[in-house]
C-alpha atoms as a PDB file:
ATOM      1  CA  ASP A   1     -14.398 -13.850   8.750  1.00  0.00           C
ATOM      2  CA  VAL A   2     -14.031 -16.957   6.562  1.00  0.00           C
ATOM      3  CA  PHE A   3     -12.954 -16.078   2.947  1.00  0.00           C
ATOM      4  CA  PHE A   4     -12.325 -18.877   0.292  1.00  0.00           C
ATOM      5  CA  LEU A   5     -10.125 -18.463  -2.620  1.00  0.00           C
ATOM      6  CA  MET A   6      -8.045 -20.734  -5.058  1.00  0.00           C
ATOM      7  CA  ILE A   7      -6.771 -19.730  -8.098  1.00  0.00           C
ATOM      8  CA  ARG A   8      -6.354 -21.711 -11.570  1.00  0.00           C
ATOM      9  CA  ARG A   9      -4.440 -20.427 -14.008  1.00  0.00           C
ATOM     10  CA  PRO A  10      -5.052 -20.048 -17.531  1.00  0.00           C
ATOM     11  CA  PRO A  11      -3.472 -22.676 -19.738  1.00  0.00           C
ATOM     12  CA  ARG A  12      -0.736 -21.451 -21.656  1.00  0.00           C
ATOM     13  CA  SER A  13      -0.908 -21.170 -25.346  1.00  0.00           C
ATOM     14  CA  THR A  14      -1.237 -24.276 -27.343  1.00  0.00           C
ATOM     15  CA  GLN A  15       2.292 -23.650 -29.891  1.00  0.00           C
ATOM     16  CA  SER A  16       4.418 -23.755 -26.057  1.00  0.00           C
ATOM     17  CA  ARG A  17       2.669 -26.843 -25.510  1.00  0.00           C
ATOM     18  CA  SER A  18       3.130 -28.264 -28.595  1.00  0.00           C
ATOM     19  CA  SER A  19       6.594 -27.778 -28.681  1.00  0.00           C
ATOM     20  CA  ALA A  20       6.427 -29.262 -25.183  1.00  0.00           C
ATOM     21  CA  ALA A  21       5.061 -32.572 -26.680  1.00  0.00           C
ATOM     22  CA  SER A  22       7.891 -32.143 -29.636  1.00  0.00           C
ATOM     23  CA  ASP A  23      10.337 -32.458 -27.453  1.00  0.00           C
ATOM     24  CA  VAL A  24       9.217 -35.211 -25.496  1.00  0.00           C
ATOM     25  CA  TYR A  25       9.060 -37.205 -28.960  1.00  0.00           C
ATOM     26  CA  LYS A  26      12.320 -36.132 -30.025  1.00  0.00           C
ATOM     27  CA  ARG A  27      14.228 -37.596 -26.619  1.00  0.00           C
ATOM     28  CA  GLN A  28      12.580 -40.473 -27.991  1.00  0.00           C
ATOM     29  CA  GLY A  29      14.288 -40.187 -31.236  1.00  0.00           C
ATOM     30  CA  LEU A  30      10.672 -40.375 -32.896  1.00  0.00           C
ATOM     31  CA  VAL A  31       9.326 -38.473 -35.533  1.00  0.00           C
ATOM     32  CA  ILE A  32       6.145 -36.298 -34.753  1.00  0.00           C
ATOM     33  CA  THR A  33       3.749 -35.370 -37.189  1.00  0.00           C
ATOM     34  CA  GLU A  34       1.539 -32.302 -37.021  1.00  0.00           C
ATOM     35  CA  LYS A  35      -1.686 -34.502 -35.597  1.00  0.00           C
ATOM     36  CA  GLU A  36       0.304 -35.975 -33.461  1.00  0.00           C
ATOM     37  CA  GLN A  37       1.886 -33.161 -31.813  1.00  0.00           C
ATOM     38  CA  LYS A  38      -1.311 -31.699 -31.115  1.00  0.00           C
ATOM     39  CA  GLU A  39      -2.613 -34.359 -29.375  1.00  0.00           C
ATOM     40  CA  ALA A  40       0.159 -35.066 -27.835  1.00  0.00           C
ATOM     41  CA  ALA A  41      -0.138 -31.759 -26.596  1.00  0.00           C
ATOM     42  CA  GLN A  42      -3.642 -31.732 -25.493  1.00  0.00           C
ATOM     43  CA  LEU A  43      -2.587 -34.750 -23.175  1.00  0.00           C
ATOM     44  CA  ILE A  44      -0.042 -33.062 -21.678  1.00  0.00           C
ATOM     45  CA  GLN A  45      -2.622 -30.085 -20.981  1.00  0.00           C
ATOM     46  CA  ASP A  46      -4.871 -32.346 -19.939  1.00  0.00           C
ATOM     47  CA  ASP A  47      -2.515 -33.600 -17.136  1.00  0.00           C
ATOM     48  CA  ILE A  48      -1.439 -30.408 -15.705  1.00  0.00           C
ATOM     49  CA  GLU A  49      -5.187 -29.106 -15.255  1.00  0.00           C
ATOM     50  CA  GLY A  50      -6.190 -32.577 -13.552  1.00  0.00           C
ATOM     51  CA  SER A  51      -3.471 -32.386 -11.538  1.00  0.00           C
ATOM     52  CA  ARG A  52      -3.894 -28.773 -10.390  1.00  0.00           C
ATOM     53  CA  GLU A  53      -8.024 -29.591  -9.932  1.00  0.00           C
ATOM     54  CA  GLU A  54      -6.865 -33.261  -7.757  1.00  0.00           C
ATOM     55  CA  ARG A  55      -4.656 -31.285  -5.673  1.00  0.00           C
ATOM     56  CA  MET A  56      -7.322 -28.126  -5.163  1.00  0.00           C
ATOM     57  CA  PHE A  57     -10.335 -30.606  -3.997  1.00  0.00           C
ATOM     58  CA  ARG A  58      -7.930 -32.510  -1.874  1.00  0.00           C
ATOM     59  CA  MET A  59      -6.776 -29.822   0.248  1.00  0.00           C
ATOM     60  CA  TRP A  60     -10.206 -28.512   0.300  1.00  0.00           C
ATOM     61  CA  ILE A  61     -11.404 -32.005   1.688  1.00  0.00           C
ATOM     62  CA  ASN A  62      -8.376 -32.003   4.287  1.00  0.00           C
ATOM     63  CA  SER A  63      -9.472 -28.376   5.298  1.00  0.00           C
ATOM     64  CA  LEU A  64     -12.666 -30.041   6.720  1.00  0.00           C
ATOM     65  CA  GLY A  65     -11.863 -31.493   9.173  1.00  0.00           C
ATOM     66  CA  ILE A  66     -13.489 -34.648   8.851  1.00  0.00           C
ATOM     67  CA  ASP A  67     -12.735 -37.389  11.460  1.00  0.00           C
ATOM     68  CA  GLY A  68     -11.193 -40.103   9.777  1.00  0.00           C
ATOM     69  CA  VAL A  69     -10.848 -38.520   6.467  1.00  0.00           C
ATOM     70  CA  TYR A  70      -7.565 -37.598   4.835  1.00  0.00           C
ATOM     71  CA  ILE A  71      -7.062 -37.220   0.872  1.00  0.00           C
ATOM     72  CA  ASN A  72      -3.500 -38.381  -0.294  1.00  0.00           C
ATOM     73  CA  ASN A  73      -5.031 -38.990  -3.598  1.00  0.00           C
ATOM     74  CA  LEU A  74      -8.426 -37.807  -4.837  1.00  0.00           C
ATOM     75  CA  TYR A  75      -9.135 -40.283  -7.448  1.00  0.00           C
ATOM     76  CA  GLU A  76      -8.315 -43.617  -5.061  1.00  0.00           C
ATOM     77  CA  ASP A  77      -8.882 -42.661  -1.526  1.00  0.00           C
ATOM     78  CA  LEU A  78     -13.008 -41.932  -2.991  1.00  0.00           C
ATOM     79  CA  ARG A  79     -13.736 -45.337  -4.702  1.00  0.00           C
ATOM     80  CA  ASP A  80     -15.268 -46.796  -2.121  1.00  0.00           C
ATOM     81  CA  GLY A  81     -17.554 -44.244  -1.771  1.00  0.00           C
ATOM     82  CA  ILE A  82     -17.112 -43.261   2.219  1.00  0.00           C
ATOM     83  CA  VAL A  83     -15.055 -40.490   1.690  1.00  0.00           C
ATOM     84  CA  LEU A  84     -17.476 -39.143  -0.483  1.00  0.00           C
ATOM     85  CA  LEU A  85     -20.375 -39.342   1.587  1.00  0.00           C
ATOM     86  CA  LYS A  86     -18.924 -37.899   4.112  1.00  0.00           C
ATOM     87  CA  VAL A  87     -17.595 -34.909   2.415  1.00  0.00           C
ATOM     88  CA  MET A  88     -21.530 -35.011   1.505  1.00  0.00           C
ATOM     89  CA  GLU A  89     -22.644 -35.222   5.262  1.00  0.00           C
ATOM     90  CA  LYS A  90     -20.210 -32.177   6.451  1.00  0.00           C
ATOM     91  CA  VAL A  91     -21.530 -29.940   4.077  1.00  0.00           C
ATOM     92  CA  GLU A  92     -25.279 -31.211   3.919  1.00  0.00           C
ATOM     93  CA  PRO A  93     -25.788 -32.764   7.902  1.00  0.00           C
ATOM     94  CA  ASN A  94     -28.309 -35.983   7.920  1.00  0.00           C
ATOM     95  CA  SER A  95     -28.621 -35.867   3.813  1.00  0.00           C
ATOM     96  CA  VAL A  96     -26.693 -39.421   4.542  1.00  0.00           C
ATOM     97  CA  ASP A  97     -28.545 -42.290   5.727  1.00  0.00           C
ATOM     98  CA  TRP A  98     -25.707 -44.514   6.972  1.00  0.00           C
ATOM     99  CA  ALA A  99     -28.151 -47.471   7.347  1.00  0.00           C
ATOM    100  CA  ASN A 100     -27.546 -47.544   3.633  1.00  0.00           C
ATOM    101  CA  VAL A 101     -24.166 -47.734   3.758  1.00  0.00           C
ATOM    102  CA  GLU A 102     -21.472 -50.374   3.574  1.00  0.00           C
ATOM    103  CA  LEU A 103     -18.764 -49.312   5.958  1.00  0.00           C
ATOM    104  CA  GLN A 104     -16.805 -52.277   5.934  1.00  0.00           C
ATOM    105  CA  ALA A 105     -16.419 -52.101   1.995  1.00  0.00           C
ATOM    106  CA  ASN A 106     -13.831 -54.844   1.366  1.00  0.00           C
ATOM    107  CA  ASN A 107     -14.909 -56.166  -1.982  1.00  0.00           C
ATOM    108  CA  LYS A 108     -16.022 -54.905  -5.506  1.00  0.00           C
ATOM    109  CA  PHE A 109     -19.463 -54.755  -5.023  1.00  0.00           C
ATOM    110  CA  LYS A 110     -19.486 -53.120  -1.623  1.00  0.00           C
ATOM    111  CA  LYS A 111     -17.546 -50.270  -3.193  1.00  0.00           C
ATOM    112  CA  LEU A 112     -20.059 -49.991  -6.210  1.00  0.00           C
ATOM    113  CA  ASN A 113     -22.956 -49.740  -3.576  1.00  0.00           C
ATOM    114  CA  ASN A 114     -21.562 -46.932  -1.648  1.00  0.00           C
ATOM    115  CA  SER A 115     -20.450 -45.329  -5.009  1.00  0.00           C
ATOM    116  CA  ASN A 116     -23.860 -45.601  -6.487  1.00  0.00           C
ATOM    117  CA  TYR A 117     -25.268 -44.161  -3.108  1.00  0.00           C
ATOM    118  CA  ALA A 118     -23.184 -41.198  -3.196  1.00  0.00           C
ATOM    119  CA  VAL A 119     -24.482 -40.627  -6.695  1.00  0.00           C
ATOM    120  CA  THR A 120     -28.105 -41.107  -5.238  1.00  0.00           C
ATOM    121  CA  VAL A 121     -27.149 -38.408  -2.596  1.00  0.00           C
ATOM    122  CA  GLY A 122     -25.596 -35.588  -5.263  1.00  0.00           C
ATOM    123  CA  LYS A 123     -28.837 -36.048  -7.163  1.00  0.00           C
ATOM    124  CA  GLU A 124     -30.878 -35.180  -4.155  1.00  0.00           C
ATOM    125  CA  LEU A 125     -28.840 -32.578  -3.078  1.00  0.00           C
ATOM    126  CA  GLY A 126     -29.513 -30.859  -6.343  1.00  0.00           C
ATOM    127  CA  PHE A 127     -26.227 -31.673  -8.073  1.00  0.00           C
ATOM    128  CA  THR A 128     -25.978 -32.270 -12.151  1.00  0.00           C
ATOM    129  CA  LEU A 129     -24.506 -36.207 -12.298  1.00  0.00           C
ATOM    130  CA  VAL A 130     -26.060 -36.499 -16.036  1.00  0.00           C
ATOM    131  CA  GLY A 131     -24.157 -39.973 -16.963  1.00  0.00           C
ATOM    132  CA  ILE A 132     -22.550 -40.642 -13.868  1.00  0.00           C
ATOM    133  CA  SER A 133     -22.782 -43.293 -12.254  1.00  0.00           C
ATOM    134  CA  GLY A 134     -21.433 -45.370  -9.183  1.00  0.00           C
ATOM    135  CA  SER A 135     -19.054 -47.337 -11.384  1.00  0.00           C
ATOM    136  CA  ASP A 136     -17.409 -44.388 -12.514  1.00  0.00           C
ATOM    137  CA  ILE A 137     -16.302 -43.216  -8.912  1.00  0.00           C
ATOM    138  CA  LEU A 138     -15.118 -47.075  -8.717  1.00  0.00           C
ATOM    139  CA  ASP A 139     -13.138 -46.578 -11.561  1.00  0.00           C
ATOM    140  CA  ALA A 140     -11.266 -43.548 -10.651  1.00  0.00           C
ATOM    141  CA  ASN A 141     -12.640 -41.783 -13.600  1.00  0.00           C
ATOM    142  CA  ARG A 142     -11.122 -38.225 -13.354  1.00  0.00           C
ATOM    143  CA  LYS A 143     -13.376 -36.070 -15.091  1.00  0.00           C
ATOM    144  CA  PHE A 144     -16.610 -37.348 -13.245  1.00  0.00           C
ATOM    145  CA  ILE A 145     -15.071 -37.818  -9.668  1.00  0.00           C
ATOM    146  CA  LEU A 146     -13.530 -33.848 -10.700  1.00  0.00           C
ATOM    147  CA  ALA A 147     -17.299 -32.622 -11.869  1.00  0.00           C
ATOM    148  CA  LEU A 148     -18.734 -33.920  -8.553  1.00  0.00           C
ATOM    149  CA  VAL A 149     -16.488 -33.201  -6.025  1.00  0.00           C
ATOM    150  CA  TRP A 150     -16.318 -29.667  -7.895  1.00  0.00           C
ATOM    151  CA  GLN A 151     -20.810 -28.969  -7.161  1.00  0.00           C
ATOM    152  CA  ILE A 152     -19.945 -30.449  -3.377  1.00  0.00           C
ATOM    153  CA  MET A 153     -17.637 -27.624  -2.791  1.00  0.00           C
ATOM    154  CA  ARG A 154     -19.535 -24.981  -4.960  1.00  0.00           C
ATOM    155  CA  LYS A 155     -22.577 -26.004  -2.241  1.00  0.00           C
ATOM    156  CA  HIS A 156     -20.174 -25.342   0.755  1.00  0.00           C
ATOM    157  CA  VAL A 157     -18.734 -22.443  -0.431  1.00  0.00           C
ATOM    158  CA  LEU A 158     -21.842 -20.897  -1.750  1.00  0.00           C
ATOM    159  CA  GLU A 159     -23.743 -21.750   1.760  1.00  0.00           C
ATOM    160  CA  ILE A 160     -20.620 -19.878   3.812  1.00  0.00           C
ATOM    161  CA  ILE A 161     -21.160 -16.657   1.762  1.00  0.00           C
ATOM    162  CA  GLY A 162     -24.805 -16.188   3.068  1.00  0.00           C
ATOM    163  CA  GLY A 163     -26.185 -16.959  -0.022  1.00  0.00           C
ATOM    164  CA  TRP A 164     -24.779 -14.291  -2.059  1.00  0.00           C
ATOM    165  CA  ASN A 165     -24.900 -14.503  -5.996  1.00  0.00           C
ATOM    166  CA  GLU A 166     -21.903 -13.814  -8.465  1.00  0.00           C
ATOM    167  CA  GLU A 167     -23.467 -10.405  -8.525  1.00  0.00           C
ATOM    168  CA  LYS A 168     -23.034  -9.559  -5.396  1.00  0.00           C
ATOM    169  CA  LEU A 169     -20.059 -11.223  -4.585  1.00  0.00           C
ATOM    170  CA  LEU A 170     -18.601  -9.140  -7.334  1.00  0.00           C
ATOM    171  CA  GLN A 171     -19.645  -6.063  -6.005  1.00  0.00           C
ATOM    172  CA  TRP A 172     -18.030  -6.550  -2.465  1.00  0.00           C
ATOM    173  CA  VAL A 173     -14.631  -7.460  -4.621  1.00  0.00           C
ATOM    174  CA  ASN A 174     -15.070  -4.552  -6.408  1.00  0.00           C
ATOM    175  CA  SER A 175     -15.847  -2.198  -3.737  1.00  0.00           C
ATOM    176  CA  ARG A 176     -12.867  -3.183  -1.340  1.00  0.00           C
ATOM    177  CA  CYS A 177     -10.085  -3.180  -3.998  1.00  0.00           C
ATOM    178  CA  LYS A 178      -9.112   0.697  -5.483  1.00  0.00           C
ATOM    179  CA  HIS A 179      -6.659  -0.274  -8.014  1.00  0.00           C
ATOM    180  CA  HIS A 180      -8.043  -3.402  -9.750  1.00  0.00           C
ATOM    181  CA  LYS A 181     -11.365  -4.161 -10.658  1.00  0.00           C
ATOM    182  CA  ILE A 182     -12.935  -7.352 -12.412  1.00  0.00           C
ATOM    183  CA  SER A 183     -16.067  -7.655 -14.906  1.00  0.00           C
ATOM    184  CA  SER A 184     -16.968 -11.593 -13.627  1.00  0.00           C
ATOM    185  CA  PHE A 185     -15.005 -14.109 -11.737  1.00  0.00           C
ATOM    186  CA  LYS A 186     -13.974 -15.347 -15.578  1.00  0.00           C
ATOM    187  CA  ASP A 187     -12.315 -12.274 -16.037  1.00  0.00           C
ATOM    188  CA  PRO A 188      -8.615 -12.605 -17.286  1.00  0.00           C
ATOM    189  CA  SER A 189      -6.883 -10.388 -15.251  1.00  0.00           C
ATOM    190  CA  LEU A 190      -7.423 -12.350 -12.479  1.00  0.00           C
ATOM    191  CA  ALA A 191      -4.794 -14.601 -13.366  1.00  0.00           C
ATOM    192  CA  SER A 192      -2.108 -12.181 -12.812  1.00  0.00           C
ATOM    193  CA  CYS A 193      -3.642 -12.099  -9.126  1.00  0.00           C
ATOM    194  CA  GLN A 194      -2.960  -8.153  -8.353  1.00  0.00           C
ATOM    195  CA  ILE A 195      -6.700  -7.954  -7.477  1.00  0.00           C
ATOM    196  CA  LEU A 196      -6.636 -11.297  -5.241  1.00  0.00           C
ATOM    197  CA  PHE A 197      -3.254  -9.701  -3.465  1.00  0.00           C
ATOM    198  CA  GLU A 198      -4.943  -6.450  -2.941  1.00  0.00           C
ATOM    199  CA  LEU A 199      -8.020  -7.883  -1.443  1.00  0.00           C
ATOM    200  CA  LEU A 200      -6.138  -9.871   0.723  1.00  0.00           C
ATOM    201  CA  SER A 201      -4.699  -6.895   2.026  1.00  0.00           C
ATOM    202  CA  THR A 202      -7.520  -4.687   2.526  1.00  0.00           C
ATOM    203  CA  ILE A 203      -8.065  -7.631   5.141  1.00  0.00           C
ATOM    204  CA  GLU A 204      -4.708  -7.602   6.858  1.00  0.00           C
ATOM    205  CA  PRO A 205      -2.566  -5.187   5.668  1.00  0.00           C
ATOM    206  CA  THR A 206       0.554  -6.422   6.796  1.00  0.00           C
ATOM    207  CA  VAL A 207       0.185  -9.716   5.162  1.00  0.00           C
ATOM    208  CA  ILE A 208       1.085  -9.116   1.624  1.00  0.00           C
ATOM    209  CA  ASN A 209       5.190  -8.840   1.039  1.00  0.00           C
ATOM    210  CA  TRP A 210       5.183  -6.236  -2.014  1.00  0.00           C
ATOM    211  CA  SER A 211       8.689  -6.506  -3.087  1.00  0.00           C
ATOM    212  CA  ILE A 212       8.318  -9.863  -3.979  1.00  0.00           C
ATOM    213  CA  VAL A 213       4.819  -9.410  -5.742  1.00  0.00           C
ATOM    214  CA  SER A 214       5.262  -9.149 -10.216  1.00  0.00           C
ATOM    215  CA  LYS A 215       2.928  -7.612 -12.599  1.00  0.00           C
ATOM    216  CA  GLY A 216       1.902 -11.133 -13.466  1.00  0.00           C
ATOM    217  CA  GLN A 217       2.537 -10.406 -17.287  1.00  0.00           C
ATOM    218  CA  SER A 218       4.482 -13.174 -18.164  1.00  0.00           C
ATOM    219  CA  ASP A 219       3.803 -17.329 -17.579  1.00  0.00           C
ATOM    220  CA  GLU A 220       6.544 -16.961 -15.083  1.00  0.00           C
ATOM    221  CA  ASP A 221       5.391 -13.755 -13.273  1.00  0.00           C
ATOM    222  CA  ILE A 222       1.535 -15.830 -12.796  1.00  0.00           C
ATOM    223  CA  ASP A 223       3.663 -19.035 -11.935  1.00  0.00           C
ATOM    224  CA  LEU A 224       5.236 -16.999  -9.242  1.00  0.00           C
ATOM    225  CA  SER A 225       1.758 -14.893  -8.113  1.00  0.00           C
ATOM    226  CA  LEU A 226       0.203 -18.404  -7.627  1.00  0.00           C
ATOM    227  CA  ILE A 227       2.932 -19.642  -5.383  1.00  0.00           C
ATOM    228  CA  HIS A 228       3.451 -16.020  -3.461  1.00  0.00           C
ATOM    229  CA  ILE A 229      -0.639 -15.552  -3.504  1.00  0.00           C
ATOM    230  CA  SER A 230      -0.623 -19.059  -1.014  1.00  0.00           C
ATOM    231  CA  GLU A 231       1.599 -18.096   1.272  1.00  0.00           C
ATOM    232  CA  PRO A 232      -1.129 -14.839   2.936  1.00  0.00           C
ATOM    233  CA  THR A 233      -4.007 -17.523   2.567  1.00  0.00           C
ATOM    234  CA  ARG A 234      -2.296 -19.792   4.833  1.00  0.00           C
ATOM    235  CA  LEU A 235      -1.079 -16.632   7.102  1.00  0.00           C
ATOM    236  CA  LEU A 236      -4.706 -15.463   7.678  1.00  0.00           C
ATOM    237  CA  SER A 237      -6.284 -19.190   8.053  1.00  0.00           C
ATOM    238  CA  ILE A 238      -8.147 -18.720   4.727  1.00  0.00           C
ATOM    239  CA  SER A 239      -9.421 -21.737   3.424  1.00  0.00           C
ATOM    240  CA  TYR A 240      -9.298 -22.858  -0.831  1.00  0.00           C
ATOM    241  CA  ALA A 241     -12.347 -22.257  -2.923  1.00  0.00           C
ATOM    242  CA  VAL A 242     -12.070 -21.991  -6.814  1.00  0.00           C
ATOM    243  CA  PHE A 243     -12.049 -19.288  -9.292  1.00  0.00           C
ATOM    244  CA  CYS A 244     -12.141 -20.817 -12.320  1.00  0.00           C
ATOM    245  CA  LEU A 245      -9.936 -19.041 -15.211  1.00  0.00           C
ATOM    246  CA  LYS A 246      -9.586 -20.455 -18.417  1.00  0.00           C
ATOM    247  CA  LYS A 247      -9.146 -18.446 -21.766  1.00  0.00           C
ATOM    248  CA  LYS A 248     -11.658 -18.766 -24.209  1.00  0.00           C
ATOM    249  CA  LYS A 249     -10.092 -20.888 -27.613  1.00  0.00           C
END
């Protein structure tokens, strides 16, 4: 059985991010206004969230076992469009007409041609790509690349779980877990990883070392939970997908 799992923790409070931003300015001997502090805090948070997502999608692509494909940097390694097209072909066989692809993309124009074609294939697969063009991929636009790769990955996950919708998958999770329940895959309690530990233990009881599992009540506990959850998923050869957790402001 293949079970897809990845966790994205909710962002820390704006106050803690603002404090971090203020510390950066203080170390540089600068005086920061309240407005500048909030703007800097958002930049720090955007960078942290972007880094997590980049790592998540990079790991997923590398887990697909595509010949000649290994991603070291998601944004840079997708710029020529070829890897994106290979990933789409892996997820949806025969979706790519390779006669339209410049496999020797040794200049900007060939890379742009491939990137534009990747967007076209994405639309044919039913992805929502409003405002996204090949030039965004070529320019390594983080926001648009993450949006595209997320939709490819989501399609892959849904196909693997046999067309289950979120409601059916949610029922399956809650039916296996006796001590923890969630109302949706945006449930804030997912951040503590408690239900994820329990779910994994129902698949293989010996894979969780409960002596190091915390209750996940503090930011430090949550960070440790995210580290600990990766080990049993590795031992069980579980691939990565996404339960996106984000607190509403």
